[in-house]
PDB file of N, CA and C in Angstrom:
ATOM      1  N   UNK A   1      14.605 -56.582  44.288  1.00  0.00           N
ATOM      2  CA  UNK A   1      15.405 -56.248  43.132  1.00  0.00           C
ATOM      3  C   UNK A   1      16.142 -57.505  42.696  1.00  0.00           C
ATOM      4  N   UNK A   2      16.171 -57.715  41.402  1.00  0.00           N
ATOM      5  CA  UNK A   2      16.845 -58.883  40.861  1.00  0.00           C
ATOM      6  C   UNK A   2      18.353 -58.730  40.978  1.00  0.00           C
ATOM      7  N   UNK A   3      19.060 -59.863  41.052  1.00  0.00           N
ATOM      8  CA  UNK A   3      20.522 -59.826  41.174  1.00  0.00           C
ATOM      9  C   UNK A   3      21.153 -59.187  39.944  1.00  0.00           C
ATOM     10  N   UNK A   4      20.590 -59.473  38.759  1.00  0.00           N
ATOM     11  CA  UNK A   4      21.140 -58.899  37.530  1.00  0.00           C
ATOM     12  C   UNK A   4      20.994 -57.377  37.532  1.00  0.00           C
ATOM     13  N   UNK A   5      19.858 -56.889  38.005  1.00  0.00           N
ATOM     14  CA  UNK A   5      19.656 -55.446  38.078  1.00  0.00           C
ATOM     15  C   UNK A   5      20.622 -54.808  39.065  1.00  0.00           C
ATOM     16  N   UNK A   6      20.822 -55.486  40.176  1.00  0.00           N
ATOM     17  CA  UNK A   6      21.751 -54.959  41.183  1.00  0.00           C
ATOM     18  C   UNK A   6      23.167 -54.873  40.603  1.00  0.00           C
ATOM     19  N   UNK A   7      23.577 -55.895  39.864  1.00  0.00           N
ATOM     20  CA  UNK A   7      24.903 -55.877  39.238  1.00  0.00           C
ATOM     21  C   UNK A   7      25.004 -54.768  38.195  1.00  0.00           C
ATOM     22  N   UNK A   8      23.937 -54.553  37.438  1.00  0.00           N
ATOM     23  CA  UNK A   8      23.949 -53.486  36.424  1.00  0.00           C
ATOM     24  C   UNK A   8      24.072 -52.113  37.086  1.00  0.00           C
ATOM     25  N   UNK A   9      23.369 -51.923  38.202  1.00  0.00           N
ATOM     26  CA  UNK A   9      23.466 -50.644  38.900  1.00  0.00           C
ATOM     27  C   UNK A   9      24.858 -50.436  39.497  1.00  0.00           C
ATOM     28  N   UNK A  10      25.437 -51.498  40.020  1.00  0.00           N
ATOM     29  CA  UNK A  10      26.809 -51.407  40.531  1.00  0.00           C
ATOM     30  C   UNK A  10      27.766 -51.080  39.396  1.00  0.00           C
ATOM     31  N   UNK A  11      27.556 -51.718  38.239  1.00  0.00           N
ATOM     32  CA  UNK A  11      28.390 -51.434  37.072  1.00  0.00           C
ATOM     33  C   UNK A  11      28.240 -49.978  36.640  1.00  0.00           C
ATOM     34  N   UNK A  12      27.033 -49.456  36.671  1.00  0.00           N
ATOM     35  CA  UNK A  12      26.809 -48.057  36.294  1.00  0.00           C
ATOM     36  C   UNK A  12      27.550 -47.123  37.238  1.00  0.00           C
ATOM     37  N   UNK A  13      27.506 -47.415  38.528  1.00  0.00           N
ATOM     38  CA  UNK A  13      28.225 -46.586  39.509  1.00  0.00           C
ATOM     39  C   UNK A  13      29.733 -46.680  39.271  1.00  0.00           C
ATOM     40  N   UNK A  14      30.219 -47.872  38.968  1.00  0.00           N
ATOM     41  CA  UNK A  14      31.647 -48.037  38.684  1.00  0.00           C
ATOM     42  C   UNK A  14      32.052 -47.264  37.433  1.00  0.00           C
ATOM     43  N   UNK A  15      31.208 -47.275  36.415  1.00  0.00           N
ATOM     44  CA  UNK A  15      31.515 -46.528  35.191  1.00  0.00           C
ATOM     45  C   UNK A  15      31.618 -45.044  35.491  1.00  0.00           C
ATOM     46  N   UNK A  16      30.703 -44.523  36.301  1.00  0.00           N
ATOM     47  CA  UNK A  16      30.763 -43.107  36.680  1.00  0.00           C
ATOM     48  C   UNK A  16      32.038 -42.836  37.474  1.00  0.00           C
ATOM     49  N   UNK A  17      32.380 -43.710  38.404  1.00  0.00           N
ATOM     50  CA  UNK A  17      33.592 -43.529  39.213  1.00  0.00           C
ATOM     51  C   UNK A  17      34.838 -43.558  38.331  1.00  0.00           C
ATOM     52  N   UNK A  18      34.870 -44.449  37.364  1.00  0.00           N
ATOM     53  CA  UNK A  18      36.010 -44.516  36.447  1.00  0.00           C
ATOM     54  C   UNK A  18      36.086 -43.246  35.603  1.00  0.00           C
ATOM     55  N   UNK A  19      34.931 -42.766  35.156  1.00  0.00           N
ATOM     56  CA  UNK A  19      34.916 -41.528  34.382  1.00  0.00           C
ATOM     57  C   UNK A  19      35.430 -40.347  35.184  1.00  0.00           C
ATOM     58  N   UNK A  20      35.013 -40.249  36.434  1.00  0.00           N
ATOM     59  CA  UNK A  20      35.491 -39.159  37.294  1.00  0.00           C
ATOM     60  C   UNK A  20      36.981 -39.311  37.572  1.00  0.00           C
ATOM     61  N   UNK A  21      37.400 -40.544  37.824  1.00  0.00           N
ATOM     62  CA  UNK A  21      38.826 -40.798  38.048  1.00  0.00           C
ATOM     63  C   UNK A  21      39.656 -40.440  36.823  1.00  0.00           C
ATOM     64  N   UNK A  22      39.172 -40.806  35.640  1.00  0.00           N
ATOM     65  CA  UNK A  22      39.888 -40.467  34.405  1.00  0.00           C
ATOM     66  C   UNK A  22      39.931 -38.957  34.200  1.00  0.00           C
ATOM     67  N   UNK A  23      38.854 -38.278  34.572  1.00  0.00           N
ATOM     68  CA  UNK A  23      38.815 -36.822  34.439  1.00  0.00           C
ATOM     69  C   UNK A  23      39.959 -36.184  35.229  1.00  0.00           C
ATOM     70  N   UNK A  24      40.179 -36.645  36.448  1.00  0.00           N
ATOM     71  CA  UNK A  24      41.235 -36.073  37.273  1.00  0.00           C
ATOM     72  C   UNK A  24      42.615 -36.645  36.944  1.00  0.00           C
ATOM     73  N   UNK A  25      42.675 -37.886  36.505  1.00  0.00           N
ATOM     74  CA  UNK A  25      43.954 -38.501  36.156  1.00  0.00           C
ATOM     75  C   UNK A  25      44.551 -37.842  34.921  1.00  0.00           C
ATOM     76  N   UNK A  26      43.708 -37.458  33.997  1.00  0.00           N
ATOM     77  CA  UNK A  26      44.173 -36.856  32.747  1.00  0.00           C
ATOM     78  C   UNK A  26      44.219 -35.334  32.834  1.00  0.00           C
ATOM     79  N   UNK A  27      44.663 -34.820  33.967  1.00  0.00           N
ATOM     80  CA  UNK A  27      44.653 -33.369  34.152  1.00  0.00           C
ATOM     81  C   UNK A  27      45.630 -32.637  33.238  1.00  0.00           C
ATOM     82  N   UNK A  28      46.566 -33.354  32.616  1.00  0.00           N
ATOM     83  CA  UNK A  28      47.494 -32.699  31.691  1.00  0.00           C
ATOM     84  C   UNK A  28      46.909 -32.601  30.283  1.00  0.00           C
ATOM     85  N   UNK A  29      45.842 -33.316  30.030  1.00  0.00           N
ATOM     86  CA  UNK A  29      45.209 -33.280  28.703  1.00  0.00           C
ATOM     87  C   UNK A  29      44.326 -32.047  28.579  1.00  0.00           C
ATOM     88  N   UNK A  30      43.868 -31.817  27.372  1.00  0.00           N
ATOM     89  CA  UNK A  30      42.984 -30.691  27.098  1.00  0.00           C
ATOM     90  C   UNK A  30      41.661 -30.865  27.846  1.00  0.00           C
ATOM     91  N   UNK A  31      41.095 -29.744  28.260  1.00  0.00           N
ATOM     92  CA  UNK A  31      39.840 -29.805  29.018  1.00  0.00           C
ATOM     93  C   UNK A  31      38.719 -30.457  28.229  1.00  0.00           C
ATOM     94  N   UNK A  32      38.612 -30.171  26.950  1.00  0.00           N
ATOM     95  CA  UNK A  32      37.498 -30.730  26.177  1.00  0.00           C
ATOM     96  C   UNK A  32      37.618 -32.240  26.070  1.00  0.00           C
ATOM     97  N   UNK A  33      38.839 -32.770  26.049  1.00  0.00           N
ATOM     98  CA  UNK A  33      39.014 -34.233  26.031  1.00  0.00           C
ATOM     99  C   UNK A  33      38.556 -34.813  27.366  1.00  0.00           C
ATOM    100  N   UNK A  34      38.921 -34.160  28.456  1.00  0.00           N
ATOM    101  CA  UNK A  34      38.522 -34.631  29.782  1.00  0.00           C
ATOM    102  C   UNK A  34      37.005 -34.610  29.941  1.00  0.00           C
ATOM    103  N   UNK A  35      36.384 -33.525  29.463  1.00  0.00           N
ATOM    104  CA  UNK A  35      34.930 -33.432  29.568  1.00  0.00           C
ATOM    105  C   UNK A  35      34.237 -34.448  28.668  1.00  0.00           C
ATOM    106  N   UNK A  36      34.815 -34.715  27.496  1.00  0.00           N
ATOM    107  CA  UNK A  36      34.241 -35.739  26.616  1.00  0.00           C
ATOM    108  C   UNK A  36      34.298 -37.116  27.263  1.00  0.00           C
ATOM    109  N   UNK A  37      35.412 -37.423  27.902  1.00  0.00           N
ATOM    110  CA  UNK A  37      35.539 -38.712  28.590  1.00  0.00           C
ATOM    111  C   UNK A  37      34.505 -38.807  29.713  1.00  0.00           C
ATOM    112  N   UNK A  38      34.372 -37.741  30.488  1.00  0.00           N
ATOM    113  CA  UNK A  38      33.395 -37.732  31.580  1.00  0.00           C
ATOM    114  C   UNK A  38      31.976 -37.870  31.036  1.00  0.00           C
ATOM    115  N   UNK A  39      31.661 -37.144  29.965  1.00  0.00           N
ATOM    116  CA  UNK A  39      30.339 -37.235  29.359  1.00  0.00           C
ATOM    117  C   UNK A  39      30.083 -38.635  28.803  1.00  0.00           C
ATOM    118  N   UNK A  40      31.093 -39.227  28.196  1.00  0.00           N
ATOM    119  CA  UNK A  40      30.959 -40.591  27.690  1.00  0.00           C
ATOM    120  C   UNK A  40      30.699 -41.590  28.803  1.00  0.00           C
ATOM    121  N   UNK A  41      31.398 -41.424  29.923  1.00  0.00           N
ATOM    122  CA  UNK A  41      31.197 -42.323  31.063  1.00  0.00           C
ATOM    123  C   UNK A  41      29.788 -42.161  31.622  1.00  0.00           C
ATOM    124  N   UNK A  42      29.322 -40.924  31.735  1.00  0.00           N
ATOM    125  CA  UNK A  42      27.970 -40.696  32.236  1.00  0.00           C
ATOM    126  C   UNK A  42      26.927 -41.280  31.286  1.00  0.00           C
ATOM    127  N   UNK A  43      27.139 -41.116  29.991  1.00  0.00           N
ATOM    128  CA  UNK A  43      26.216 -41.670  29.005  1.00  0.00           C
ATOM    129  C   UNK A  43      26.191 -43.198  29.089  1.00  0.00           C
ATOM    130  N   UNK A  44      27.359 -43.796  29.204  1.00  0.00           N
ATOM    131  CA  UNK A  44      27.422 -45.256  29.318  1.00  0.00           C
ATOM    132  C   UNK A  44      26.740 -45.735  30.593  1.00  0.00           C
ATOM    133  N   UNK A  45      26.933 -45.013  31.678  1.00  0.00           N
ATOM    134  CA  UNK A  45      26.311 -45.400  32.947  1.00  0.00           C
ATOM    135  C   UNK A  45      24.796 -45.303  32.854  1.00  0.00           C
ATOM    136  N   UNK A  46      24.293 -44.251  32.220  1.00  0.00           N
ATOM    137  CA  UNK A  46      22.841 -44.115  32.060  1.00  0.00           C
ATOM    138  C   UNK A  46      22.309 -45.231  31.165  1.00  0.00           C
ATOM    139  N   UNK A  47      23.045 -45.568  30.111  1.00  0.00           N
ATOM    140  CA  UNK A  47      22.612 -46.643  29.215  1.00  0.00           C
ATOM    141  C   UNK A  47      22.542 -47.977  29.951  1.00  0.00           C
ATOM    142  N   UNK A  48      23.506 -48.241  30.807  1.00  0.00           N
ATOM    143  CA  UNK A  48      23.500 -49.493  31.582  1.00  0.00           C
ATOM    144  C   UNK A  48      22.365 -49.467  32.594  1.00  0.00           C
ATOM    145  N   UNK A  49      22.205 -48.353  33.299  1.00  0.00           N
ATOM    146  CA  UNK A  49      21.165 -48.263  34.327  1.00  0.00           C
ATOM    147  C   UNK A  49      19.769 -48.306  33.716  1.00  0.00           C
ATOM    148  N   UNK A  50      19.624 -47.841  32.475  1.00  0.00           N
ATOM    149  CA  UNK A  50      18.310 -47.824  31.833  1.00  0.00           C
ATOM    150  C   UNK A  50      17.800 -49.221  31.516  1.00  0.00           C
ATOM    151  N   UNK A  51      18.669 -50.207  31.520  1.00  0.00           N
ATOM    152  CA  UNK A  51      18.232 -51.581  31.219  1.00  0.00           C
ATOM    153  C   UNK A  51      17.694 -52.306  32.447  1.00  0.00           C
ATOM    154  N   UNK A  52      17.751 -51.672  33.607  1.00  0.00           N
ATOM    155  CA  UNK A  52      17.230 -52.304  34.820  1.00  0.00           C
ATOM    156  C   UNK A  52      15.737 -52.006  34.960  1.00  0.00           C
ATOM    157  N   UNK A  53      15.097 -52.688  35.886  1.00  0.00           N
ATOM    158  CA  UNK A  53      13.678 -52.453  36.144  1.00  0.00           C
ATOM    159  C   UNK A  53      13.464 -51.013  36.605  1.00  0.00           C
ATOM    160  N   UNK A  54      14.336 -50.527  37.483  1.00  0.00           N
ATOM    161  CA  UNK A  54      14.222 -49.157  37.968  1.00  0.00           C
ATOM    162  C   UNK A  54      14.446 -48.152  36.838  1.00  0.00           C
ATOM    163  N   UNK A  55      15.382 -48.448  35.955  1.00  0.00           N
ATOM    164  CA  UNK A  55      15.652 -47.571  34.822  1.00  0.00           C
ATOM    165  C   UNK A  55      14.472 -47.490  33.872  1.00  0.00           C
ATOM    166  N   UNK A  56      13.863 -48.632  33.600  1.00  0.00           N
ATOM    167  CA  UNK A  56      12.688 -48.654  32.723  1.00  0.00           C
ATOM    168  C   UNK A  56      11.521 -47.917  33.383  1.00  0.00           C
ATOM    169  N   UNK A  57      11.380 -48.094  34.686  1.00  0.00           N
ATOM    170  CA  UNK A  57      10.331 -47.401  35.419  1.00  0.00           C
ATOM    171  C   UNK A  57      10.553 -45.884  35.386  1.00  0.00           C
ATOM    172  N   UNK A  58      11.793 -45.460  35.558  1.00  0.00           N
ATOM    173  CA  UNK A  58      12.106 -44.026  35.512  1.00  0.00           C
ATOM    174  C   UNK A  58      11.828 -43.463  34.123  1.00  0.00           C
ATOM    175  N   UNK A  59      12.147 -44.224  33.081  1.00  0.00           N
ATOM    176  CA  UNK A  59      11.893 -43.766  31.714  1.00  0.00           C
ATOM    177  C   UNK A  59      10.387 -43.634  31.461  1.00  0.00           C
ATOM    178  N   UNK A  60       9.601 -44.591  31.932  1.00  0.00           N
ATOM    179  CA  UNK A  60       8.143 -44.503  31.779  1.00  0.00           C
ATOM    180  C   UNK A  60       7.586 -43.301  32.533  1.00  0.00           C
ATOM    181  N   UNK A  61       8.102 -43.060  33.729  1.00  0.00           N
ATOM    182  CA  UNK A  61       7.671 -41.898  34.498  1.00  0.00           C
ATOM    183  C   UNK A  61       7.978 -40.607  33.740  1.00  0.00           C
ATOM    184  N   UNK A  62       9.163 -40.538  33.147  1.00  0.00           N
ATOM    185  CA  UNK A  62       9.551 -39.348  32.382  1.00  0.00           C
ATOM    186  C   UNK A  62       8.624 -39.135  31.195  1.00  0.00           C
ATOM    187  N   UNK A  63       8.301 -40.208  30.496  1.00  0.00           N
ATOM    188  CA  UNK A  63       7.390 -40.078  29.347  1.00  0.00           C
ATOM    189  C   UNK A  63       6.006 -39.622  29.796  1.00  0.00           C
ATOM    190  N   UNK A  64       5.504 -40.170  30.891  1.00  0.00           N
ATOM    191  CA  UNK A  64       4.189 -39.770  31.404  1.00  0.00           C
ATOM    192  C   UNK A  64       4.207 -38.321  31.890  1.00  0.00           C
ATOM    193  N   UNK A  65       5.314 -37.895  32.485  1.00  0.00           N
ATOM    194  CA  UNK A  65       5.431 -36.514  32.944  1.00  0.00           C
ATOM    195  C   UNK A  65       5.405 -35.549  31.762  1.00  0.00           C
ATOM    196  N   UNK A  66       6.045 -35.935  30.675  1.00  0.00           N
ATOM    197  CA  UNK A  66       6.030 -35.079  29.479  1.00  0.00           C
ATOM    198  C   UNK A  66       4.620 -34.974  28.904  1.00  0.00           C
ATOM    199  N   UNK A  67       3.875 -36.081  28.934  1.00  0.00           N
ATOM    200  CA  UNK A  67       2.491 -36.044  28.449  1.00  0.00           C
ATOM    201  C   UNK A  67       1.670 -35.096  29.315  1.00  0.00           C
ATOM    202  N   UNK A  68       1.824 -35.186  30.629  1.00  0.00           N
ATOM    203  CA  UNK A  68       1.089 -34.304  31.535  1.00  0.00           C
ATOM    204  C   UNK A  68       1.510 -32.848  31.367  1.00  0.00           C
ATOM    205  N   UNK A  69       2.795 -32.626  31.098  1.00  0.00           N
ATOM    206  CA  UNK A  69       3.282 -31.266  30.909  1.00  0.00           C
ATOM    207  C   UNK A  69       2.650 -30.615  29.680  1.00  0.00           C
ATOM    208  N   UNK A  70       2.363 -31.401  28.662  1.00  0.00           N
ATOM    209  CA  UNK A  70       1.713 -30.875  27.460  1.00  0.00           C
ATOM    210  C   UNK A  70       0.269 -30.468  27.734  1.00  0.00           C
ATOM    211  N   UNK A  71      -0.328 -31.012  28.781  1.00  0.00           N
ATOM    212  CA  UNK A  71      -1.718 -30.697  29.119  1.00  0.00           C
ATOM    213  C   UNK A  71      -1.846 -29.401  29.926  1.00  0.00           C
ATOM    214  N   UNK A  72      -0.732 -28.884  30.420  1.00  0.00           N
ATOM    215  CA  UNK A  72      -0.759 -27.696  31.264  1.00  0.00           C
ATOM    216  C   UNK A  72      -1.165 -26.485  30.432  1.00  0.00           C
ATOM    217  N   UNK A  73      -2.068 -25.683  30.986  1.00  0.00           N
ATOM    218  CA  UNK A  73      -2.449 -24.427  30.340  1.00  0.00           C
ATOM    219  C   UNK A  73      -1.610 -23.332  30.979  1.00  0.00           C
ATOM    220  N   UNK A  74      -0.662 -22.810  30.222  1.00  0.00           N
ATOM    221  CA  UNK A  74       0.252 -21.813  30.741  1.00  0.00           C
ATOM    222  C   UNK A  74      -0.407 -20.439  30.704  1.00  0.00           C
ATOM    223  N   UNK A  75      -0.120 -19.587  31.690  1.00  0.00           N
ATOM    224  CA  UNK A  75      -0.723 -18.248  31.708  1.00  0.00           C
ATOM    225  C   UNK A  75      -0.152 -17.378  30.584  1.00  0.00           C
ATOM    226  N   UNK A  76      -0.968 -16.412  30.170  1.00  0.00           N
ATOM    227  CA  UNK A  76      -0.507 -15.479  29.141  1.00  0.00           C
ATOM    228  C   UNK A  76       0.465 -14.489  29.771  1.00  0.00           C
ATOM    229  N   UNK A  77       1.089 -13.705  28.930  1.00  0.00           N
ATOM    230  CA  UNK A  77       2.034 -12.698  29.413  1.00  0.00           C
ATOM    231  C   UNK A  77       1.317 -11.687  30.321  1.00  0.00           C
ATOM    232  N   UNK A  78       0.103 -11.302  29.940  1.00  0.00           N
ATOM    233  CA  UNK A  78      -0.665 -10.332  30.718  1.00  0.00           C
ATOM    234  C   UNK A  78      -1.026 -10.907  32.087  1.00  0.00           C
ATOM    235  N   UNK A  79      -1.475 -12.167  32.115  1.00  0.00           N
ATOM    236  CA  UNK A  79      -1.821 -12.812  33.387  1.00  0.00           C
ATOM    237  C   UNK A  79      -0.598 -12.927  34.298  1.00  0.00           C
ATOM    238  N   UNK A  80       0.534 -13.253  33.713  1.00  0.00           N
ATOM    239  CA  UNK A  80       1.762 -13.371  34.497  1.00  0.00           C
ATOM    240  C   UNK A  80       2.148 -12.024  35.099  1.00  0.00           C
ATOM    241  N   UNK A  81       2.051 -10.963  34.305  1.00  0.00           N
ATOM    242  CA  UNK A  81       2.387  -9.626  34.807  1.00  0.00           C
ATOM    243  C   UNK A  81       1.428  -9.215  35.923  1.00  0.00           C
ATOM    244  N   UNK A  82       0.142  -9.514  35.767  1.00  0.00           N
ATOM    245  CA  UNK A  82      -0.843  -9.156  36.789  1.00  0.00           C
ATOM    246  C   UNK A  82      -0.578  -9.904  38.093  1.00  0.00           C
ATOM    247  N   UNK A  83      -0.311 -11.187  38.000  1.00  0.00           N
ATOM    248  CA  UNK A  83      -0.048 -11.974  39.205  1.00  0.00           C
ATOM    249  C   UNK A  83       1.237 -11.521  39.885  1.00  0.00           C
ATOM    250  N   UNK A  84       2.231 -11.158  39.099  1.00  0.00           N
ATOM    251  CA  UNK A  84       3.480 -10.657  39.671  1.00  0.00           C
ATOM    252  C   UNK A  84       3.230  -9.369  40.429  1.00  0.00           C
ATOM    253  N   UNK A  85       2.423  -8.489  39.855  1.00  0.00           N
ATOM    254  CA  UNK A  85       2.085  -7.229  40.513  1.00  0.00           C
ATOM    255  C   UNK A  85       1.329  -7.484  41.815  1.00  0.00           C
ATOM    256  N   UNK A  86       0.384  -8.428  41.804  1.00  0.00           N
ATOM    257  CA  UNK A  86      -0.362  -8.768  43.017  1.00  0.00           C
ATOM    258  C   UNK A  86       0.586  -9.277  44.096  1.00  0.00           C
ATOM    259  N   UNK A  87       1.530 -10.116  43.718  1.00  0.00           N
ATOM    260  CA  UNK A  87       2.487 -10.661  44.694  1.00  0.00           C
ATOM    261  C   UNK A  87       3.342  -9.538  45.278  1.00  0.00           C
ATOM    262  N   UNK A  88       3.830  -8.645  44.435  1.00  0.00           N
ATOM    263  CA  UNK A  88       4.653  -7.537  44.925  1.00  0.00           C
ATOM    264  C   UNK A  88       3.864  -6.668  45.894  1.00  0.00           C
ATOM    265  N   UNK A  89       2.619  -6.356  45.547  1.00  0.00           N
ATOM    266  CA  UNK A  89       1.780  -5.535  46.431  1.00  0.00           C
ATOM    267  C   UNK A  89       1.541  -6.243  47.758  1.00  0.00           C
ATOM    268  N   UNK A  90       1.257  -7.529  47.724  1.00  0.00           N
ATOM    269  CA  UNK A  90       1.012  -8.269  48.960  1.00  0.00           C
ATOM    270  C   UNK A  90       2.267  -8.340  49.833  1.00  0.00           C
ATOM    271  N   UNK A  91       3.413  -8.479  49.221  1.00  0.00           N
ATOM    272  CA  UNK A  91       4.665  -8.496  49.988  1.00  0.00           C
ATOM    273  C   UNK A  91       4.853  -7.165  50.696  1.00  0.00           C
ATOM    274  N   UNK A  92       4.578  -6.063  50.004  1.00  0.00           N
ATOM    275  CA  UNK A  92       4.709  -4.735  50.611  1.00  0.00           C
ATOM    276  C   UNK A  92       3.712  -4.564  51.752  1.00  0.00           C
ATOM    277  N   UNK A  93       2.461  -4.989  51.546  1.00  0.00           N
ATOM    278  CA  UNK A  93       1.437  -4.855  52.581  1.00  0.00           C
ATOM    279  C   UNK A  93       1.806  -5.672  53.822  1.00  0.00           C
ATOM    280  N   UNK A  94       2.234  -6.908  53.626  1.00  0.00           N
ATOM    281  CA  UNK A  94       2.608  -7.747  54.773  1.00  0.00           C
ATOM    282  C   UNK A  94       3.837  -7.181  55.474  1.00  0.00           C
ATOM    283  N   UNK A  95       4.803  -6.677  54.702  1.00  0.00           N
ATOM    284  CA  UNK A  95       5.997  -6.083  55.313  1.00  0.00           C
ATOM    285  C   UNK A  95       5.617  -4.880  56.166  1.00  0.00           C
ATOM    286  N   UNK A  96       4.737  -4.025  55.667  1.00  0.00           N
ATOM    287  CA  UNK A  96       4.291  -2.871  56.455  1.00  0.00           C
ATOM    288  C   UNK A  96       3.556  -3.309  57.713  1.00  0.00           C
ATOM    289  N   UNK A  97       2.692  -4.310  57.581  1.00  0.00           N
ATOM    290  CA  UNK A  97       1.963  -4.816  58.742  1.00  0.00           C
ATOM    291  C   UNK A  97       2.928  -5.337  59.804  1.00  0.00           C
ATOM    292  N   UNK A  98       3.896  -6.137  59.384  1.00  0.00           N
ATOM    293  CA  UNK A  98       4.848  -6.689  60.348  1.00  0.00           C
ATOM    294  C   UNK A  98       5.714  -5.594  60.959  1.00  0.00           C
ATOM    295  N   UNK A  99       6.036  -4.563  60.188  1.00  0.00           N
ATOM    296  CA  UNK A  99       6.807  -3.447  60.716  1.00  0.00           C
ATOM    297  C   UNK A  99       6.019  -2.722  61.806  1.00  0.00           C
ATOM    298  N   UNK A 100       4.728  -2.505  61.555  1.00  0.00           N
ATOM    299  CA  UNK A 100       3.871  -1.828  62.543  1.00  0.00           C
ATOM    300  C   UNK A 100       3.728  -2.689  63.803  1.00  0.00           C
ATOM    301  N   UNK A 101       3.512  -3.980  63.631  1.00  0.00           N
ATOM    302  CA  UNK A 101       3.401  -4.883  64.787  1.00  0.00           C
ATOM    303  C   UNK A 101       4.707  -4.880  65.576  1.00  0.00           C
ATOM    304  N   UNK A 102       5.841  -4.949  64.884  1.00  0.00           N
ATOM    305  CA  UNK A 102       7.134  -4.939  65.555  1.00  0.00           C
ATOM    306  C   UNK A 102       7.336  -3.631  66.318  1.00  0.00           C
ATOM    307  N   UNK A 103       7.014  -2.513  65.691  1.00  0.00           N
ATOM    308  CA  UNK A 103       7.138  -1.204  66.345  1.00  0.00           C
ATOM    309  C   UNK A 103       6.253  -1.149  67.587  1.00  0.00           C
ATOM    310  N   UNK A 104       5.023  -1.667  67.459  1.00  0.00           N
ATOM    311  CA  UNK A 104       4.103  -1.682  68.594  1.00  0.00           C
ATOM    312  C   UNK A 104       4.617  -2.536  69.734  1.00  0.00           C
ATOM    313  N   UNK A 105       5.166  -3.687  69.429  1.00  0.00           N
ATOM    314  CA  UNK A 105       5.720  -4.560  70.467  1.00  0.00           C
ATOM    315  C   UNK A 105       6.922  -3.917  71.144  1.00  0.00           C
ATOM    316  N   UNK A 106       7.754  -3.245  70.378  1.00  0.00           N
ATOM    317  CA  UNK A 106       8.906  -2.555  70.969  1.00  0.00           C
ATOM    318  C   UNK A 106       8.426  -1.481  71.941  1.00  0.00           C
ATOM    319  N   UNK A 107       7.439  -0.707  71.516  1.00  0.00           N
ATOM    320  CA  UNK A 107       6.907   0.350  72.395  1.00  0.00           C
ATOM    321  C   UNK A 107       6.267  -0.248  73.643  1.00  0.00           C
ATOM    322  N   UNK A 108       5.566  -1.370  73.495  1.00  0.00           N
ATOM    323  CA  UNK A 108       4.929  -2.011  74.648  1.00  0.00           C
ATOM    324  C   UNK A 108       5.984  -2.515  75.630  1.00  0.00           C
ATOM    325  N   UNK A 109       7.046  -3.123  75.144  1.00  0.00           N
ATOM    326  CA  UNK A 109       8.115  -3.624  76.011  1.00  0.00           C
ATOM    327  C   UNK A 109       8.807  -2.449  76.697  1.00  0.00           C
ATOM    328  N   UNK A 110       9.029  -1.374  75.954  1.00  0.00           N
ATOM    329  CA  UNK A 110       9.658  -0.192  76.554  1.00  0.00           C
ATOM    330  C   UNK A 110       8.782   0.395  77.659  1.00  0.00           C
ATOM    331  N   UNK A 111       7.482   0.437  77.422  1.00  0.00           N
ATOM    332  CA  UNK A 111       6.571   0.974  78.427  1.00  0.00           C
ATOM    333  C   UNK A 111       6.528   0.082  79.670  1.00  0.00           C
ATOM    334  N   UNK A 112       6.561  -1.241  79.478  1.00  0.00           N
ATOM    335  CA  UNK A 112       6.512  -2.163  80.610  1.00  0.00           C
ATOM    336  C   UNK A 112       7.803  -2.169  81.409  1.00  0.00           C
ATOM    337  N   UNK A 113       8.906  -2.006  80.745  1.00  0.00           N
ATOM    338  CA  UNK A 113      10.201  -2.097  81.452  1.00  0.00           C
ATOM    339  C   UNK A 113      10.768  -0.736  81.813  1.00  0.00           C
ATOM    340  N   UNK A 114      10.184   0.322  81.264  1.00  0.00           N
ATOM    341  CA  UNK A 114      10.670   1.670  81.569  1.00  0.00           C
ATOM    342  C   UNK A 114      11.962   1.998  80.862  1.00  0.00           C
ATOM    343  N   UNK A 115      12.328   1.241  79.865  1.00  0.00           N
ATOM    344  CA  UNK A 115      13.580   1.496  79.132  1.00  0.00           C
ATOM    345  C   UNK A 115      13.301   2.379  77.928  1.00  0.00           C
ATOM    346  N   UNK A 116      14.296   3.176  77.599  1.00  0.00           N
ATOM    347  CA  UNK A 116      14.241   4.000  76.399  1.00  0.00           C
ATOM    348  C   UNK A 116      15.507   3.723  75.587  1.00  0.00           C
ATOM    349  N   UNK A 117      15.328   3.437  74.314  1.00  0.00           N
ATOM    350  CA  UNK A 117      16.493   3.135  73.461  1.00  0.00           C
ATOM    351  C   UNK A 117      16.794   4.273  72.547  1.00  0.00           C
TER     352      UNK A 117
END
């Protein structure tokens, strides 16, 4: 990492810290003013961090992710409802199976130990 990038990232962290500090220092002010100051500090920190190599790389990744997201074929409402129903049925079937196995194991342990609960 370049020294300039490291300084920019440190500056971004300091800007966020100052914004958070101002948010709590100005506790007598109106909430919307405090939130605006915090939002401004976060925006400034992102703007500073975006000028680094890591920031540019993150921005490129975000753009590529959006392109890939546009390629996704989303299921229809009917397909979603059908898959949801299949999942619910499978959860019930597995729950019943595990209940039967648990009941069987309890009975087996009771038979082996001679205990009755």
